[in-house]
Full PDB file with SEQRES, HELIX, SHEET, SSBOND, CRYST1, ORIGX, SCALE, CONECT and MASTER records, all heavy atoms in Angstrom:
SEQRES   1 A   32  TRP THR LYS MET ALA ALA GLN ASP LEU SER PRO ARG ILE          
SEQRES   2 A   32  ARG VAL ASN GLY ILE TYR VAL GLY SER ILE MET THR SER          
SEQRES   3 A   32  ALA LEU GLU MET VAL ALA                                      
HELIX    1 AA1 THR A    2  LEU A    9  1                                   8    
HELIX    2 AA2 SER A   26  LEU A   28  5                                   3    
CRYST1    1.000    1.000    1.000  90.00  90.00  90.00 P 1           1          
ORIGX1      1.000000  0.000000  0.000000        0.00000                         
ORIGX2      0.000000  1.000000  0.000000        0.00000                         
ORIGX3      0.000000  0.000000  1.000000        0.00000                         
SCALE1      1.000000  0.000000  0.000000        0.00000                         
SCALE2      0.000000  1.000000  0.000000        0.00000                         
SCALE3      0.000000  0.000000  1.000000        0.00000                         
ATOM      1  N   TRP A   1      92.168 103.769  87.518  1.00  0.00           N  
ATOM      2  CA  TRP A   1      92.306 102.371  88.001  1.00  0.00           C  
ATOM      3  C   TRP A   1      92.388 102.356  89.500  1.00  0.00           C  
ATOM      4  O   TRP A   1      91.767 101.464  90.146  1.00  0.00           O  
ATOM      5  CB  TRP A   1      93.580 101.762  87.383  1.00  0.00           C  
ATOM      6  CG  TRP A   1      93.838 100.356  87.823  1.00  0.00           C  
ATOM      7  CD1 TRP A   1      93.403  99.200  87.194  1.00  0.00           C  
ATOM      8  CD2 TRP A   1      94.508  99.908  89.002  1.00  0.00           C  
ATOM      9  NE1 TRP A   1      93.812  98.107  87.937  1.00  0.00           N  
ATOM     10  CE2 TRP A   1      94.472  98.501  89.031  1.00  0.00           C  
ATOM     11  CE3 TRP A   1      95.146 100.597  90.059  1.00  0.00           C  
ATOM     12  CZ2 TRP A   1      95.087  97.759  90.054  1.00  0.00           C  
ATOM     13  CZ3 TRP A   1      95.717  99.850  91.066  1.00  0.00           C  
ATOM     14  CH2 TRP A   1      95.703  98.471  91.082  1.00  0.00           C  
ATOM     15  N   THR A   2      93.093 103.284  90.116  1.00  0.00           N  
ATOM     16  CA  THR A   2      93.232 103.374  91.536  1.00  0.00           C  
ATOM     17  C   THR A   2      91.862 103.493  92.214  1.00  0.00           C  
ATOM     18  O   THR A   2      91.563 102.826  93.203  1.00  0.00           O  
ATOM     19  CB  THR A   2      94.132 104.540  91.931  1.00  0.00           C  
ATOM     20  OG1 THR A   2      95.416 104.378  91.335  1.00  0.00           O  
ATOM     21  CG2 THR A   2      94.278 104.698  93.427  1.00  0.00           C  
ATOM     22  N   LYS A   3      91.051 104.359  91.660  1.00  0.00           N  
ATOM     23  CA  LYS A   3      89.688 104.561  92.231  1.00  0.00           C  
ATOM     24  C   LYS A   3      88.827 103.341  92.079  1.00  0.00           C  
ATOM     25  O   LYS A   3      88.073 102.969  92.987  1.00  0.00           O  
ATOM     26  CB  LYS A   3      89.045 105.781  91.555  1.00  0.00           C  
ATOM     27  CG  LYS A   3      89.823 107.066  91.787  1.00  0.00           C  
ATOM     28  CD  LYS A   3      89.207 108.206  90.968  1.00  0.00           C  
ATOM     29  CE  LYS A   3      90.024 109.468  91.090  1.00  0.00           C  
ATOM     30  NZ  LYS A   3      89.459 110.590  90.305  1.00  0.00           N  
ATOM     31  N   MET A   4      88.925 102.701  90.928  1.00  0.00           N  
ATOM     32  CA  MET A   4      88.097 101.506  90.677  1.00  0.00           C  
ATOM     33  C   MET A   4      88.559 100.324  91.521  1.00  0.00           C  
ATOM     34  O   MET A   4      87.759  99.611  92.106  1.00  0.00           O  
ATOM     35  CB  MET A   4      88.164 101.151  89.179  1.00  0.00           C  
ATOM     36  CG  MET A   4      87.688 102.244  88.267  1.00  0.00           C  
ATOM     37  SD  MET A   4      85.939 102.617  88.455  1.00  0.00           S  
ATOM     38  CE  MET A   4      85.212 101.293  87.496  1.00  0.00           C  
ATOM     39  N   ALA A   5      89.871 100.135  91.613  1.00  0.00           N  
ATOM     40  CA  ALA A   5      90.397  99.026  92.432  1.00  0.00           C  
ATOM     41  C   ALA A   5      90.042  99.206  93.880  1.00  0.00           C  
ATOM     42  O   ALA A   5      89.791  98.243  94.621  1.00  0.00           O  
ATOM     43  CB  ALA A   5      91.916  98.953  92.271  1.00  0.00           C  
ATOM     44  N   ALA A   6      90.003 100.475  94.349  1.00  0.00           N  
ATOM     45  CA  ALA A   6      89.636 100.737  95.736  1.00  0.00           C  
ATOM     46  C   ALA A   6      88.216 100.244  96.022  1.00  0.00           C  
ATOM     47  O   ALA A   6      87.963  99.721  97.125  1.00  0.00           O  
ATOM     48  CB  ALA A   6      89.760 102.210  96.044  1.00  0.00           C  
ATOM     49  N   GLN A   7      87.342 100.414  95.085  1.00  0.00           N  
ATOM     50  CA  GLN A   7      85.977  99.941  95.256  1.00  0.00           C  
ATOM     51  C   GLN A   7      85.916  98.400  95.288  1.00  0.00           C  
ATOM     52  O   GLN A   7      85.262  97.791  96.130  1.00  0.00           O  
ATOM     53  CB  GLN A   7      85.080 100.468  94.116  1.00  0.00           C  
ATOM     54  CG  GLN A   7      84.915 101.952  94.119  1.00  0.00           C  
ATOM     55  CD  GLN A   7      84.246 102.455  95.399  1.00  0.00           C  
ATOM     56  OE1 GLN A   7      83.174 101.972  95.780  1.00  0.00           O  
ATOM     57  NE2 GLN A   7      84.850 103.454  96.016  1.00  0.00           N  
ATOM     58  N   ASP A   8      86.651  97.802  94.391  1.00  0.00           N  
ATOM     59  CA  ASP A   8      86.652  96.332  94.309  1.00  0.00           C  
ATOM     60  C   ASP A   8      87.265  95.666  95.531  1.00  0.00           C  
ATOM     61  O   ASP A   8      86.865  94.569  95.917  1.00  0.00           O  
ATOM     62  CB  ASP A   8      87.422  95.877  93.069  1.00  0.00           C  
ATOM     63  CG  ASP A   8      86.650  96.073  91.784  1.00  0.00           C  
ATOM     64  OD1 ASP A   8      85.404  96.088  91.836  1.00  0.00           O  
ATOM     65  OD2 ASP A   8      87.266  96.243  90.740  1.00  0.00           O  
ATOM     66  N   LEU A   9      88.286  96.292  96.129  1.00  0.00           N  
ATOM     67  CA  LEU A   9      89.042  95.681  97.197  1.00  0.00           C  
ATOM     68  C   LEU A   9      88.656  96.113  98.625  1.00  0.00           C  
ATOM     69  O   LEU A   9      89.171  95.581  99.578  1.00  0.00           O  
ATOM     70  CB  LEU A   9      90.532  95.893  96.969  1.00  0.00           C  
ATOM     71  CG  LEU A   9      91.080  95.348  95.659  1.00  0.00           C  
ATOM     72  CD1 LEU A   9      92.591  95.647  95.533  1.00  0.00           C  
ATOM     73  CD2 LEU A   9      90.801  93.861  95.482  1.00  0.00           C  
ATOM     74  N   SER A  10      87.758  97.107  98.729  1.00  0.00           N  
ATOM     75  CA  SER A  10      87.315  97.542 100.047  1.00  0.00           C  
ATOM     76  C   SER A  10      86.390  96.461 100.634  1.00  0.00           C  
ATOM     77  O   SER A  10      85.780  95.716  99.905  1.00  0.00           O  
ATOM     78  CB  SER A  10      86.577  98.861  99.946  1.00  0.00           C  
ATOM     79  OG  SER A  10      85.395  98.714  99.165  1.00  0.00           O  
ATOM     80  N   PRO A  11      86.298  96.360 101.983  1.00  0.00           N  
ATOM     81  CA  PRO A  11      86.938  97.229 102.953  1.00  0.00           C  
ATOM     82  C   PRO A  11      88.274  96.677 103.462  1.00  0.00           C  
ATOM     83  O   PRO A  11      88.946  97.360 104.287  1.00  0.00           O  
ATOM     84  CB  PRO A  11      85.938  97.219 104.094  1.00  0.00           C  
ATOM     85  CG  PRO A  11      85.372  95.832 104.075  1.00  0.00           C  
ATOM     86  CD  PRO A  11      85.295  95.448 102.585  1.00  0.00           C  
ATOM     87  N   ARG A  12      88.726  95.536 102.980  1.00  0.00           N  
ATOM     88  CA  ARG A  12      89.891  94.924 103.652  1.00  0.00           C  
ATOM     89  C   ARG A  12      91.239  95.396 103.089  1.00  0.00           C  
ATOM     90  O   ARG A  12      92.242  95.226 103.761  1.00  0.00           O  
ATOM     91  CB  ARG A  12      89.753  93.405 103.581  1.00  0.00           C  
ATOM     92  CG  ARG A  12      88.554  92.873 104.354  1.00  0.00           C  
ATOM     93  CD  ARG A  12      88.696  91.424 104.720  1.00  0.00           C  
ATOM     94  NE  ARG A  12      88.611  90.575 103.554  1.00  0.00           N  
ATOM     95  CZ  ARG A  12      88.887  89.264 103.584  1.00  0.00           C  
ATOM     96  NH1 ARG A  12      89.309  88.681 104.699  1.00  0.00           N  
ATOM     97  NH2 ARG A  12      88.771  88.534 102.481  1.00  0.00           N  
ATOM     98  N   ILE A  13      91.205  95.955 101.896  1.00  0.00           N  
ATOM     99  CA  ILE A  13      92.467  96.505 101.337  1.00  0.00           C  
ATOM    100  C   ILE A  13      92.215  97.899 100.824  1.00  0.00           C  
ATOM    101  O   ILE A  13      91.264  98.110 100.070  1.00  0.00           O  
ATOM    102  CB  ILE A  13      92.992  95.612 100.186  1.00  0.00           C  
ATOM    103  CG1 ILE A  13      93.305  94.183 100.707  1.00  0.00           C  
ATOM    104  CG2 ILE A  13      94.241  96.219  99.533  1.00  0.00           C  
ATOM    105  CD1 ILE A  13      93.600  93.202  99.593  1.00  0.00           C  
ATOM    106  N   ARG A  14      93.025  98.841 101.245  1.00  0.00           N  
ATOM    107  CA  ARG A  14      92.893 100.206 100.805  1.00  0.00           C  
ATOM    108  C   ARG A  14      93.752 100.440  99.556  1.00  0.00           C  
ATOM    109  O   ARG A  14      94.869  99.906  99.471  1.00  0.00           O  
ATOM    110  CB  ARG A  14      93.270 101.193 101.890  1.00  0.00           C  
ATOM    111  CG  ARG A  14      92.380 101.111 103.104  1.00  0.00           C  
ATOM    112  CD  ARG A  14      92.717 102.175 104.154  1.00  0.00           C  
ATOM    113  NE  ARG A  14      94.091 102.056 104.634  1.00  0.00           N  
ATOM    114  CZ  ARG A  14      95.098 102.910 104.333  1.00  0.00           C  
ATOM    115  NH1 ARG A  14      94.864 103.942 103.522  1.00  0.00           N  
ATOM    116  NH2 ARG A  14      96.303 102.740 104.846  1.00  0.00           N  
ATOM    117  N   VAL A  15      93.289 101.225  98.599  1.00  0.00           N  
ATOM    118  CA  VAL A  15      94.042 101.536  97.382  1.00  0.00           C  
ATOM    119  C   VAL A  15      93.980 103.050  97.184  1.00  0.00           C  
ATOM    120  O   VAL A  15      92.916 103.636  97.010  1.00  0.00           O  
ATOM    121  CB  VAL A  15      93.477 100.820  96.144  1.00  0.00           C  
ATOM    122  CG1 VAL A  15      94.379 101.071  94.950  1.00  0.00           C  
ATOM    123  CG2 VAL A  15      93.283  99.342  96.394  1.00  0.00           C  
ATOM    124  N   ASN A  16      95.146 103.659  97.174  1.00  0.00           N  
ATOM    125  CA  ASN A  16      95.237 105.096  96.977  1.00  0.00           C  
ATOM    126  C   ASN A  16      96.433 105.403  96.078  1.00  0.00           C  
ATOM    127  O   ASN A  16      97.199 104.518  95.698  1.00  0.00           O  
ATOM    128  CB  ASN A  16      95.441 105.829  98.316  1.00  0.00           C  
ATOM    129  CG  ASN A  16      94.230 105.705  99.245  1.00  0.00           C  
ATOM    130  OD1 ASN A  16      93.222 106.316  99.007  1.00  0.00           O  
ATOM    131  ND2 ASN A  16      94.368 104.911 100.285  1.00  0.00           N  
ATOM    132  N   GLY A  17      96.595 106.683  95.687  1.00  0.00           N  
ATOM    133  CA  GLY A  17      97.680 107.034  94.796  1.00  0.00           C  
ATOM    134  C   GLY A  17      98.146 108.446  95.008  1.00  0.00           C  
ATOM    135  O   GLY A  17      97.656 109.180  95.840  1.00  0.00           O  
ATOM    136  N   ILE A  18      99.126 108.812  94.220  1.00  0.00           N  
ATOM    137  CA  ILE A  18      99.729 110.152  94.279  1.00  0.00           C  
ATOM    138  C   ILE A  18      99.877 110.685  92.857  1.00  0.00           C  
ATOM    139  O   ILE A  18     100.405 110.040  91.982  1.00  0.00           O  
ATOM    140  CB  ILE A  18     101.099 110.118  94.954  1.00  0.00           C  
ATOM    141  CG1 ILE A  18     100.951 109.619  96.419  1.00  0.00           C  
ATOM    142  CG2 ILE A  18     101.752 111.506  94.932  1.00  0.00           C  
ATOM    143  CD1 ILE A  18     102.281 109.443  97.128  1.00  0.00           C  
ATOM    144  N   TYR A  19      99.388 111.916  92.668  1.00  0.00           N  
ATOM    145  CA  TYR A  19      99.697 112.706  91.468  1.00  0.00           C  
ATOM    146  C   TYR A  19     101.045 113.378  91.757  1.00  0.00           C  
ATOM    147  O   TYR A  19     101.108 114.326  92.535  1.00  0.00           O  
ATOM    148  CB  TYR A  19      98.641 113.771  91.195  1.00  0.00           C  
ATOM    149  CG  TYR A  19      97.321 113.241  90.636  1.00  0.00           C  
ATOM    150  CD1 TYR A  19      96.139 113.508  91.305  1.00  0.00           C  
ATOM    151  CD2 TYR A  19      97.268 112.599  89.401  1.00  0.00           C  
ATOM    152  CE1 TYR A  19      94.917 113.084  90.776  1.00  0.00           C  
ATOM    153  CE2 TYR A  19      96.077 112.179  88.872  1.00  0.00           C  
ATOM    154  CZ  TYR A  19      94.889 112.432  89.558  1.00  0.00           C  
ATOM    155  OH  TYR A  19      93.706 112.005  89.012  1.00  0.00           O  
ATOM    156  N   VAL A  20     102.095 112.913  91.122  1.00  0.00           N  
ATOM    157  CA  VAL A  20     103.417 113.434  91.375  1.00  0.00           C  
ATOM    158  C   VAL A  20     103.729 114.601  90.468  1.00  0.00           C  
ATOM    159  O   VAL A  20     103.533 114.559  89.264  1.00  0.00           O  
ATOM    160  CB  VAL A  20     104.476 112.325  91.163  1.00  0.00           C  
ATOM    161  CG1 VAL A  20     105.886 112.876  91.291  1.00  0.00           C  
ATOM    162  CG2 VAL A  20     104.270 111.197  92.145  1.00  0.00           C  
ATOM    163  N   GLY A  21     104.235 115.685  91.059  1.00  0.00           N  
ATOM    164  CA  GLY A  21     104.663 116.851  90.278  1.00  0.00           C  
ATOM    165  C   GLY A  21     106.116 116.730  89.890  1.00  0.00           C  
ATOM    166  O   GLY A  21     106.673 115.630  89.769  1.00  0.00           O  
ATOM    167  N   SER A  22     106.779 117.863  89.689  1.00  0.00           N  
ATOM    168  CA  SER A  22     108.200 117.891  89.273  1.00  0.00           C  
ATOM    169  C   SER A  22     109.081 117.570  90.467  1.00  0.00           C  
ATOM    170  O   SER A  22     109.190 118.363  91.403  1.00  0.00           O  
ATOM    171  CB  SER A  22     108.546 119.250  88.669  1.00  0.00           C  
ATOM    172  OG  SER A  22     107.727 119.537  87.577  1.00  0.00           O  
ATOM    173  N   ILE A  23     109.724 116.413  90.413  1.00  0.00           N  
ATOM    174  CA  ILE A  23     110.601 115.988  91.503  1.00  0.00           C  
ATOM    175  C   ILE A  23     112.029 115.807  90.982  1.00  0.00           C  
ATOM    176  O   ILE A  23     112.216 115.307  89.853  1.00  0.00           O  
ATOM    177  CB  ILE A  23     110.108 114.612  92.080  1.00  0.00           C  
ATOM    178  CG1 ILE A  23     108.609 114.746  92.502  1.00  0.00           C  
ATOM    179  CG2 ILE A  23     110.981 114.175  93.248  1.00  0.00           C  
ATOM    180  CD1 ILE A  23     108.361 115.695  93.668  1.00  0.00           C  
ATOM    181  N   MET A  24     112.983 116.225  91.752  1.00  0.00           N  
ATOM    182  CA  MET A  24     114.373 116.169  91.306  1.00  0.00           C  
ATOM    183  C   MET A  24     114.921 114.732  91.329  1.00  0.00           C  
ATOM    184  O   MET A  24     115.473 114.254  92.308  1.00  0.00           O  
ATOM    185  CB  MET A  24     115.268 117.062  92.180  1.00  0.00           C  
ATOM    186  CG  MET A  24     116.667 117.195  91.642  1.00  0.00           C  
ATOM    187  SD  MET A  24     116.747 117.655  89.896  1.00  0.00           S  
ATOM    188  CE  MET A  24     116.103 119.333  89.968  1.00  0.00           C  
ATOM    189  N   THR A  25     114.665 114.038  90.230  1.00  0.00           N  
ATOM    190  CA  THR A  25     115.187 112.690  90.016  1.00  0.00           C  
ATOM    191  C   THR A  25     115.950 112.684  88.713  1.00  0.00           C  
ATOM    192  O   THR A  25     116.114 113.730  88.059  1.00  0.00           O  
ATOM    193  CB  THR A  25     114.045 111.665  89.960  1.00  0.00           C  
ATOM    194  OG1 THR A  25     113.243 111.931  88.778  1.00  0.00           O  
ATOM    195  CG2 THR A  25     113.168 111.714  91.197  1.00  0.00           C  
ATOM    196  N   SER A  26     116.397 111.524  88.280  1.00  0.00           N  
ATOM    197  CA  SER A  26     117.154 111.430  87.019  1.00  0.00           C  
ATOM    198  C   SER A  26     116.327 111.910  85.821  1.00  0.00           C  
ATOM    199  O   SER A  26     116.882 112.362  84.799  1.00  0.00           O  
ATOM    200  CB  SER A  26     117.619 109.988  86.774  1.00  0.00           C  
ATOM    201  OG  SER A  26     116.543 109.104  86.753  1.00  0.00           O  
ATOM    202  N   ALA A  27     114.997 111.844  85.965  1.00  0.00           N  
ATOM    203  CA  ALA A  27     114.135 112.283  84.860  1.00  0.00           C  
ATOM    204  C   ALA A  27     114.265 113.783  84.600  1.00  0.00           C  
ATOM    205  O   ALA A  27     113.942 114.232  83.497  1.00  0.00           O  
ATOM    206  CB  ALA A  27     112.706 111.922  85.177  1.00  0.00           C  
ATOM    207  N   LEU A  28     114.753 114.518  85.573  1.00  0.00           N  
ATOM    208  CA  LEU A  28     114.886 115.975  85.407  1.00  0.00           C  
ATOM    209  C   LEU A  28     116.330 116.404  85.254  1.00  0.00           C  
ATOM    210  O   LEU A  28     116.636 117.597  85.308  1.00  0.00           O  
ATOM    211  CB  LEU A  28     114.284 116.687  86.629  1.00  0.00           C  
ATOM    212  CG  LEU A  28     112.772 116.886  86.656  1.00  0.00           C  
ATOM    213  CD1 LEU A  28     112.374 117.705  87.869  1.00  0.00           C  
ATOM    214  CD2 LEU A  28     112.253 117.540  85.405  1.00  0.00           C  
ATOM    215  N   GLU A  29     117.224 115.463  85.022  1.00  0.00           N  
ATOM    216  CA  GLU A  29     118.649 115.819  84.907  1.00  0.00           C  
ATOM    217  C   GLU A  29     118.895 116.811  83.790  1.00  0.00           C  
ATOM    218  O   GLU A  29     119.657 117.768  83.935  1.00  0.00           O  
ATOM    219  CB  GLU A  29     119.474 114.552  84.719  1.00  0.00           C  
ATOM    220  CG  GLU A  29     119.677 113.729  85.973  1.00  0.00           C  
ATOM    221  CD  GLU A  29     120.453 112.451  85.741  1.00  0.00           C  
ATOM    222  OE1 GLU A  29     120.727 112.158  84.532  1.00  0.00           O  
ATOM    223  OE2 GLU A  29     120.765 111.757  86.696  1.00  0.00           O  
ATOM    224  N   MET A  30     118.272 116.581  82.644  1.00  0.00           N  
ATOM    225  CA  MET A  30     118.449 117.490  81.504  1.00  0.00           C  
ATOM    226  C   MET A  30     117.965 118.892  81.839  1.00  0.00           C  
ATOM    227  O   MET A  30     118.604 119.886  81.525  1.00  0.00           O  
ATOM    228  CB  MET A  30     117.746 116.946  80.282  1.00  0.00           C  
ATOM    229  CG  MET A  30     117.882 117.810  79.040  1.00  0.00           C  
ATOM    230  SD  MET A  30     116.853 117.293  77.644  1.00  0.00           S  
ATOM    231  CE  MET A  30     115.223 117.824  78.225  1.00  0.00           C  
ATOM    232  N   VAL A  31     116.810 118.944  82.499  1.00  0.00           N  
ATOM    233  CA  VAL A  31     116.237 120.240  82.877  1.00  0.00           C  
ATOM    234  C   VAL A  31     117.126 120.950  83.915  1.00  0.00           C  
ATOM    235  O   VAL A  31     117.384 122.129  83.832  1.00  0.00           O  
ATOM    236  CB  VAL A  31     114.819 120.057  83.411  1.00  0.00           C  
ATOM    237  CG1 VAL A  31     114.255 121.374  83.934  1.00  0.00           C  
ATOM    238  CG2 VAL A  31     113.919 119.476  82.326  1.00  0.00           C  
ATOM    239  N   ALA A  32     117.574 120.156  84.889  1.00  0.00           N  
ATOM    240  CA  ALA A  32     118.403 120.739  85.975  1.00  0.00           C  
ATOM    241  C   ALA A  32     119.693 121.337  85.435  1.00  0.00           C  
ATOM    242  O   ALA A  32     120.226 122.299  86.026  1.00  0.00           O  
ATOM    243  CB  ALA A  32     118.725 119.657  87.012  1.00  0.00           C  
TER     244      ALA A  32                                                      
MASTER        0    0    0    2    0    0    0    6  243    1    0    3          
END                                                                             
């Protein structure tokens, strides 16, 4: 969706994203 929206909204609005890895948040409390 990020890639497609970037095409639709260019050039005046940029759309990018992040592939997030393992980050120490509450989601990892059990693992930690």
